[in-house]
């Protein structure tokens, strides 16, 4: 199946740097990221494979499924003060043909 969305490409230098950063993020997940990862890892959600802390151009997304072109982002309290930046980031991801699902951290943690 061919789609008309742009390919996600980075220079090799940027790709290496983003991979390093993503690895560091994986080592120290937030509480809500750890909870959601336990629910998604190992194709636990209807056999769908997710990757966590996945580099996407100049961004690192929390969770990504390539088949459904789905990005799941967890928004903690810091996101209350960066609405415009999050809106721009989401727009850039959607221009790549990705579907972005934003989840509040308190919802993932069962507090919201």
N, C-alpha and C. Protein backbone atom coordinates (compact mmCIF):
# COMPACT_ATOMS: atom_id res chain seq x y z
N UNK A 1 0.84 -1.17 0.00
CA UNK A 1 0.00 0.00 0.00
C UNK A 1 0.89 1.24 0.00
N UNK A 2 0.72 2.08 -0.97
CA UNK A 2 1.51 3.30 -1.11
C UNK A 2 0.72 4.48 -0.58
N UNK A 3 1.37 5.33 0.20
CA UNK A 3 0.70 6.54 0.66
C UNK A 3 1.45 7.76 0.13
N UNK A 4 0.85 8.90 0.26
CA UNK A 4 1.43 10.13 -0.25
C UNK A 4 2.08 10.97 0.83
N UNK A 5 2.36 10.40 1.98
CA UNK A 5 2.96 11.15 3.07
C UNK A 5 4.47 11.19 2.91
N UNK A 6 5.09 12.28 3.33
CA UNK A 6 6.54 12.36 3.22
C UNK A 6 7.22 11.33 4.11
N UNK A 7 8.35 10.85 3.65
CA UNK A 7 9.14 9.91 4.45
C UNK A 7 9.77 10.66 5.60
N UNK A 8 9.94 9.99 6.71
CA UNK A 8 10.57 10.60 7.87
C UNK A 8 12.07 10.32 7.77
N UNK A 9 12.82 11.35 7.36
CA UNK A 9 14.26 11.20 7.17
C UNK A 9 15.00 12.25 7.98
N UNK A 10 16.12 11.86 8.53
CA UNK A 10 17.03 12.77 9.23
C UNK A 10 18.42 12.56 8.66
N UNK A 11 19.27 13.55 8.82
CA UNK A 11 20.67 13.35 8.45
C UNK A 11 21.23 12.29 9.40
N UNK A 12 22.30 11.64 9.00
CA UNK A 12 22.85 10.57 9.84
C UNK A 12 23.34 11.13 11.18
N UNK A 13 23.87 12.35 11.18
CA UNK A 13 24.35 12.95 12.42
C UNK A 13 23.18 13.22 13.37
N UNK A 14 22.10 13.81 12.84
CA UNK A 14 20.92 14.08 13.66
C UNK A 14 20.28 12.78 14.12
N UNK A 15 20.22 11.78 13.25
CA UNK A 15 19.64 10.48 13.61
C UNK A 15 20.39 9.85 14.79
N UNK A 16 21.71 9.89 14.76
CA UNK A 16 22.51 9.33 15.85
C UNK A 16 22.24 10.08 17.16
N UNK A 17 22.20 11.41 17.09
CA UNK A 17 21.96 12.22 18.28
C UNK A 17 20.57 11.94 18.85
N UNK A 18 19.56 11.89 17.98
CA UNK A 18 18.20 11.63 18.43
C UNK A 18 18.08 10.23 19.05
N UNK A 19 18.78 9.27 18.48
CA UNK A 19 18.76 7.91 19.03
C UNK A 19 19.38 7.89 20.42
N UNK A 20 20.47 8.62 20.62
CA UNK A 20 21.10 8.72 21.95
C UNK A 20 20.13 9.31 22.97
N UNK A 21 19.47 10.40 22.58
CA UNK A 21 18.54 11.06 23.48
C UNK A 21 17.37 10.13 23.80
N UNK A 22 16.84 9.45 22.80
CA UNK A 22 15.72 8.53 23.01
C UNK A 22 16.12 7.41 23.97
N UNK A 23 17.33 6.91 23.85
CA UNK A 23 17.81 5.85 24.77
C UNK A 23 17.84 6.36 26.20
N UNK A 24 18.29 7.59 26.38
CA UNK A 24 18.32 8.18 27.72
C UNK A 24 16.90 8.32 28.27
N UNK A 25 15.96 8.76 27.44
CA UNK A 25 14.57 8.89 27.87
C UNK A 25 14.00 7.54 28.28
N UNK A 26 14.37 6.47 27.57
CA UNK A 26 13.86 5.13 27.90
C UNK A 26 14.37 4.66 29.25
N UNK A 27 15.57 5.10 29.62
CA UNK A 27 16.16 4.67 30.89
C UNK A 27 15.43 5.25 32.09
N UNK A 28 14.85 6.44 31.93
CA UNK A 28 14.19 7.10 33.05
C UNK A 28 12.80 7.60 32.64
N UNK A 29 11.86 6.67 32.46
CA UNK A 29 10.51 7.10 32.06
C UNK A 29 9.79 7.79 33.22
N UNK A 30 8.84 8.63 32.86
CA UNK A 30 7.97 9.20 33.89
C UNK A 30 7.06 8.09 34.40
N UNK A 31 6.38 8.36 35.50
CA UNK A 31 5.47 7.35 36.06
C UNK A 31 4.40 6.97 35.04
N UNK A 32 3.82 7.98 34.39
CA UNK A 32 2.74 7.70 33.43
C UNK A 32 3.27 6.97 32.20
N UNK A 33 4.48 7.28 31.75
CA UNK A 33 5.07 6.55 30.61
C UNK A 33 5.30 5.09 30.98
N UNK A 34 5.78 4.84 32.17
CA UNK A 34 6.03 3.46 32.62
C UNK A 34 4.71 2.67 32.69
N UNK A 35 3.66 3.31 33.19
CA UNK A 35 2.35 2.64 33.28
C UNK A 35 1.82 2.30 31.90
N UNK A 36 1.84 3.28 31.00
CA UNK A 36 1.31 3.02 29.65
C UNK A 36 2.17 2.01 28.90
N UNK A 37 3.48 2.07 29.08
CA UNK A 37 4.35 1.11 28.41
C UNK A 37 4.05 -0.32 28.85
N UNK A 38 3.75 -0.52 30.12
CA UNK A 38 3.40 -1.87 30.59
C UNK A 38 2.14 -2.38 29.91
N UNK A 39 1.22 -1.47 29.58
CA UNK A 39 -0.01 -1.86 28.90
C UNK A 39 0.19 -2.11 27.41
N UNK A 40 1.20 -1.47 26.81
CA UNK A 40 1.40 -1.56 25.35
C UNK A 40 2.48 -2.55 24.94
N UNK A 41 3.49 -2.73 25.75
CA UNK A 41 4.65 -3.53 25.34
C UNK A 41 4.28 -4.97 25.02
N UNK A 42 5.09 -5.56 24.16
CA UNK A 42 4.88 -6.96 23.80
C UNK A 42 3.58 -7.21 23.07
N UNK A 43 3.10 -6.21 22.33
CA UNK A 43 1.86 -6.33 21.54
C UNK A 43 0.64 -6.69 22.39
N UNK A 44 0.61 -6.20 23.64
CA UNK A 44 -0.50 -6.51 24.54
C UNK A 44 -1.82 -5.88 24.11
N UNK A 45 -1.77 -4.81 23.35
CA UNK A 45 -2.99 -4.15 22.90
C UNK A 45 -3.39 -4.69 21.54
N UNK A 46 -4.23 -5.70 21.52
CA UNK A 46 -4.74 -6.31 20.29
C UNK A 46 -3.65 -6.71 19.30
N UNK A 47 -2.50 -7.10 19.79
CA UNK A 47 -1.42 -7.54 18.91
C UNK A 47 -0.72 -6.41 18.16
N UNK A 48 -0.94 -5.18 18.58
CA UNK A 48 -0.35 -4.02 17.90
C UNK A 48 1.00 -3.70 18.52
N UNK A 49 2.01 -3.55 17.67
CA UNK A 49 3.36 -3.26 18.15
C UNK A 49 3.56 -1.76 18.30
N UNK A 50 4.03 -1.37 19.47
CA UNK A 50 4.39 0.02 19.73
C UNK A 50 5.87 0.10 20.06
N UNK A 51 6.45 1.21 19.69
CA UNK A 51 7.81 1.55 20.11
C UNK A 51 7.69 2.72 21.07
N UNK A 52 8.60 2.80 22.02
CA UNK A 52 8.55 3.94 22.93
C UNK A 52 9.75 4.84 22.71
N UNK A 53 9.57 6.11 23.00
CA UNK A 53 10.60 7.12 22.81
C UNK A 53 11.24 6.96 21.43
N UNK A 54 10.41 7.15 20.43
CA UNK A 54 10.79 6.95 19.03
C UNK A 54 11.15 8.28 18.38
N UNK A 55 12.38 8.40 17.83
CA UNK A 55 12.73 9.63 17.11
C UNK A 55 11.89 9.79 15.84
N UNK A 56 11.37 11.00 15.65
CA UNK A 56 10.59 11.37 14.46
C UNK A 56 11.05 12.76 14.05
N UNK A 57 11.89 12.83 13.06
CA UNK A 57 12.47 14.11 12.63
C UNK A 57 13.11 14.79 13.82
N UNK A 58 12.81 16.07 14.12
CA UNK A 58 13.51 16.67 15.26
C UNK A 58 12.83 16.38 16.60
N UNK A 59 11.85 15.48 16.61
CA UNK A 59 11.10 15.17 17.82
C UNK A 59 11.39 13.75 18.28
N UNK A 60 11.09 13.51 19.55
CA UNK A 60 11.05 12.15 20.07
C UNK A 60 9.66 11.98 20.64
N UNK A 61 8.90 11.06 20.07
CA UNK A 61 7.53 10.84 20.52
C UNK A 61 7.51 9.77 21.59
N UNK A 62 6.52 9.84 22.47
CA UNK A 62 6.45 8.89 23.58
C UNK A 62 6.22 7.46 23.10
N UNK A 63 5.20 7.27 22.26
CA UNK A 63 4.87 5.93 21.75
C UNK A 63 4.47 6.05 20.29
N UNK A 64 4.86 5.03 19.48
CA UNK A 64 4.58 5.09 18.06
C UNK A 64 4.23 3.70 17.52
N UNK A 65 3.20 3.67 16.68
CA UNK A 65 2.85 2.47 15.94
C UNK A 65 2.91 2.83 14.47
N UNK A 66 3.78 2.16 13.71
CA UNK A 66 3.98 2.51 12.31
C UNK A 66 2.85 2.03 11.40
N UNK A 67 2.20 0.93 11.73
CA UNK A 67 1.13 0.40 10.88
C UNK A 67 -0.05 1.37 10.83
N UNK A 68 -0.47 1.85 11.98
CA UNK A 68 -1.59 2.78 12.05
C UNK A 68 -1.15 4.24 12.02
N UNK A 69 0.17 4.46 11.89
CA UNK A 69 0.74 5.82 11.88
C UNK A 69 0.21 6.60 13.08
N UNK A 70 0.27 5.93 14.25
CA UNK A 70 -0.27 6.49 15.47
C UNK A 70 0.85 6.89 16.42
N UNK A 71 0.72 8.09 16.96
CA UNK A 71 1.63 8.59 17.99
C UNK A 71 0.79 8.84 19.23
N UNK A 72 1.21 8.30 20.36
CA UNK A 72 0.54 8.57 21.64
C UNK A 72 1.51 9.40 22.49
N UNK A 73 1.05 10.56 22.89
CA UNK A 73 1.85 11.46 23.70
C UNK A 73 1.19 11.61 25.06
N UNK A 74 2.01 11.57 26.12
CA UNK A 74 1.50 11.75 27.48
C UNK A 74 1.87 13.16 27.91
N UNK A 75 0.86 13.91 28.32
CA UNK A 75 1.05 15.30 28.73
C UNK A 75 0.96 15.43 30.24
N UNK A 76 2.11 15.73 30.85
CA UNK A 76 2.14 16.02 32.28
C UNK A 76 1.84 17.49 32.50
N UNK A 77 2.00 17.94 33.73
CA UNK A 77 1.64 19.31 34.08
C UNK A 77 2.47 20.35 33.34
N UNK A 78 3.68 20.02 32.92
CA UNK A 78 4.51 20.97 32.16
C UNK A 78 3.81 21.42 30.88
N UNK A 79 2.98 20.56 30.34
CA UNK A 79 2.30 20.87 29.08
C UNK A 79 1.22 21.94 29.23
N UNK A 80 0.81 22.22 30.47
CA UNK A 80 -0.16 23.29 30.70
C UNK A 80 0.42 24.65 30.32
N UNK A 81 1.73 24.78 30.38
CA UNK A 81 2.37 26.07 30.10
C UNK A 81 3.02 26.13 28.71
N UNK A 82 2.89 25.07 27.93
CA UNK A 82 3.50 25.08 26.59
C UNK A 82 2.51 24.66 25.52
N UNK A 83 1.29 25.16 25.64
CA UNK A 83 0.22 24.81 24.72
C UNK A 83 0.60 25.09 23.27
N UNK A 84 1.14 26.27 23.00
CA UNK A 84 1.46 26.67 21.63
C UNK A 84 2.55 25.77 21.03
N UNK A 85 3.57 25.46 21.81
CA UNK A 85 4.65 24.58 21.34
C UNK A 85 4.10 23.18 21.04
N UNK A 86 3.23 22.68 21.91
CA UNK A 86 2.63 21.35 21.68
C UNK A 86 1.76 21.36 20.43
N UNK A 87 1.03 22.44 20.23
CA UNK A 87 0.17 22.56 19.04
C UNK A 87 1.02 22.54 17.77
N UNK A 88 2.14 23.27 17.78
CA UNK A 88 3.03 23.30 16.61
C UNK A 88 3.66 21.93 16.36
N UNK A 89 4.09 21.28 17.43
CA UNK A 89 4.70 19.95 17.33
C UNK A 89 3.68 18.96 16.75
N UNK A 90 2.46 18.99 17.27
CA UNK A 90 1.43 18.09 16.78
C UNK A 90 1.13 18.37 15.31
N UNK A 91 1.08 19.62 14.94
CA UNK A 91 0.85 19.97 13.53
C UNK A 91 1.93 19.42 12.63
N UNK A 92 3.19 19.52 13.06
CA UNK A 92 4.30 18.99 12.26
C UNK A 92 4.20 17.48 12.12
N UNK A 93 3.82 16.79 13.19
CA UNK A 93 3.66 15.34 13.12
C UNK A 93 2.49 14.95 12.22
N UNK A 94 1.41 15.71 12.29
CA UNK A 94 0.26 15.42 11.44
C UNK A 94 0.57 15.68 9.97
N UNK A 95 1.43 16.64 9.67
CA UNK A 95 1.85 16.87 8.29
C UNK A 95 2.59 15.67 7.71
N UNK A 96 3.17 14.86 8.59
CA UNK A 96 3.84 13.63 8.16
C UNK A 96 2.85 12.47 8.00
N UNK A 97 1.56 12.77 8.21
CA UNK A 97 0.54 11.73 8.08
C UNK A 97 0.35 10.91 9.34
N UNK A 98 0.84 11.42 10.46
CA UNK A 98 0.69 10.70 11.72
C UNK A 98 -0.57 11.16 12.45
N UNK A 99 -1.20 10.23 13.12
CA UNK A 99 -2.36 10.52 13.96
C UNK A 99 -1.86 10.66 15.39
N UNK A 100 -2.13 11.78 16.02
CA UNK A 100 -1.59 12.06 17.34
C UNK A 100 -2.70 11.96 18.39
N UNK A 101 -2.46 11.12 19.38
CA UNK A 101 -3.37 10.95 20.51
C UNK A 101 -2.66 11.52 21.73
N UNK A 102 -3.26 12.50 22.37
CA UNK A 102 -2.68 13.13 23.56
C UNK A 102 -3.44 12.62 24.78
N UNK A 103 -2.70 12.14 25.76
CA UNK A 103 -3.28 11.63 27.00
C UNK A 103 -2.72 12.41 28.18
N UNK A 104 -3.57 12.82 29.08
CA UNK A 104 -3.11 13.50 30.30
C UNK A 104 -2.46 12.47 31.22
N UNK A 105 -1.36 12.86 31.83
CA UNK A 105 -0.64 11.97 32.73
C UNK A 105 -1.52 11.51 33.88
N UNK A 106 -2.33 12.41 34.45
CA UNK A 106 -3.19 12.03 35.56
C UNK A 106 -4.24 11.00 35.14
N UNK A 107 -4.67 11.04 33.87
CA UNK A 107 -5.60 10.04 33.36
C UNK A 107 -4.91 8.68 33.27
N UNK A 108 -3.69 8.65 32.74
CA UNK A 108 -2.94 7.38 32.62
C UNK A 108 -2.67 6.79 34.00
N UNK A 109 -2.41 7.67 34.96
CA UNK A 109 -2.09 7.21 36.32
C UNK A 109 -3.34 6.89 37.14
N UNK A 110 -4.53 7.06 36.52
CA UNK A 110 -5.77 6.74 37.19
C UNK A 110 -6.24 7.78 38.18
N UNK A 111 -5.72 9.00 38.04
CA UNK A 111 -6.07 10.07 38.99
C UNK A 111 -6.98 11.12 38.36
N UNK A 112 -7.33 10.94 37.07
CA UNK A 112 -8.08 12.01 36.43
C UNK A 112 -9.37 11.58 35.82
